Amino acid sequence: MILFTRRYEPEQHKAIYFFDEEVKLGHGVKYHGVILDSKLNWKAHLDSRCQKAIVAFAQFRRVTGVTWGMTPKVVHWLYTAVI
């Protein structure tokens, strides 16, 4: 369960039970590929997308070399596609 609010400290809520188990309050959820947190800011989503781009760029750098590998035109095209 996630409570979306911009308040500094949200109000206390009653416990919610589902099949006799208490549902815990979470901090974020992924919905259609977008990470939403309880404060409705984009920090968690942007951090995950940046980390994914950094990993892809590091893998791409391992494949290319200065004197071997693909032509500069293809490297530039792949770089813009990845990042």
Protein backbone atom coordinates (compact mmCIF):
# COMPACT_ATOMS: atom_id res chain seq x y z
CA MET A 1 0.00 0.00 0.00
CA ILE A 2 1.26 3.48 -0.81
CA LEU A 3 -0.09 6.75 0.49
CA PHE A 4 0.55 9.52 -2.04
CA THR A 5 0.89 12.88 -0.30
CA ARG A 6 3.15 15.90 -0.27
CA ARG A 7 2.74 16.52 3.45
CA TYR A 8 5.89 16.43 5.53
CA GLU A 9 4.38 13.96 7.96
CA PRO A 10 1.22 12.22 6.79
CA GLU A 11 -1.66 11.70 9.17
CA GLN A 12 -1.89 8.45 11.08
CA HIS A 13 -4.14 5.91 9.40
CA LYS A 14 -5.93 2.85 10.64
CA ALA A 15 -4.41 -0.51 9.84
CA ILE A 16 -5.76 -2.12 6.69
CA TYR A 17 -6.16 -5.89 6.58
CA PHE A 18 -6.32 -8.12 3.50
CA PHE A 19 -7.17 -11.80 4.14
CA ASP A 20 -6.43 -11.32 7.84
CA GLU A 21 -2.95 -9.90 7.14
CA GLU A 22 -2.02 -6.31 7.79
CA VAL A 23 -1.00 -4.43 4.65
CA LYS A 24 2.27 -2.55 5.25
CA LEU A 25 2.84 0.99 4.04
CA GLY A 26 5.40 1.09 1.22
CA HIS A 27 7.57 3.88 -0.20
CA GLY A 28 7.40 3.32 -3.93
CA VAL A 29 5.78 1.37 -6.75
CA LYS A 30 6.60 0.71 -10.39
CA TYR A 31 3.64 1.31 -12.70
CA HIS A 32 3.96 1.02 -16.50
CA GLY A 33 7.73 1.38 -16.21
CA VAL A 34 7.59 4.58 -14.13
CA ILE A 35 8.70 4.47 -10.51
CA LEU A 36 6.34 6.49 -8.31
CA ASP A 37 7.26 7.27 -4.73
CA SER A 38 5.01 8.45 -1.92
CA LYS A 39 6.02 12.11 -2.34
CA LEU A 40 5.32 12.03 -6.11
CA ASN A 41 8.75 13.30 -7.13
CA TRP A 42 10.88 11.79 -9.88
CA LYS A 43 14.10 11.13 -7.96
CA ALA A 44 13.75 7.33 -7.70
CA HIS A 45 12.74 7.03 -11.36
CA LEU A 46 15.55 9.26 -12.61
CA ASP A 47 18.14 7.46 -10.49
CA SER A 48 17.11 4.08 -11.89
CA ARG A 49 17.11 5.36 -15.50
CA CYS A 50 20.53 7.02 -15.07
CA GLN A 51 21.96 3.84 -13.55
CA LYS A 52 20.60 1.81 -16.49
CA ALA A 53 22.17 4.26 -18.98
CA ILE A 54 25.52 4.15 -17.16
CA VAL A 55 25.55 0.33 -17.27
CA ALA A 56 24.66 0.32 -20.97
CA PHE A 57 27.35 2.90 -21.73
CA ALA A 58 29.98 0.91 -19.82
CA GLN A 59 29.09 -2.24 -21.76
CA PHE A 60 29.22 -0.26 -25.00
CA ARG A 61 32.69 1.13 -24.18
CA ARG A 62 34.03 -2.40 -23.67
CA VAL A 63 32.97 -3.36 -27.20
CA THR A 64 34.62 -0.46 -29.02
CA GLY A 65 38.27 0.44 -29.34
CA VAL A 66 40.39 3.18 -30.94
CA THR A 67 42.24 0.99 -33.43
CA TRP A 68 39.78 -1.89 -33.75
CA GLY A 69 36.03 -2.36 -33.79
CA MET A 70 33.34 -0.44 -35.63
CA THR A 71 33.65 2.70 -37.72
CA PRO A 72 33.26 6.07 -35.98
CA LYS A 73 29.95 6.67 -37.77
CA VAL A 74 28.47 3.43 -36.40
CA VAL A 75 29.89 4.11 -32.93
CA HIS A 76 28.27 7.57 -32.88
CA TRP A 77 24.94 6.11 -34.01
CA LEU A 78 25.05 3.42 -31.30
CA TYR A 79 26.08 5.96 -28.65
CA THR A 80 23.09 8.20 -29.40
CA ALA A 81 20.77 5.18 -29.49
CA VAL A 82 21.98 3.88 -26.12
CA ILE A 83 22.12 7.16 -24.23
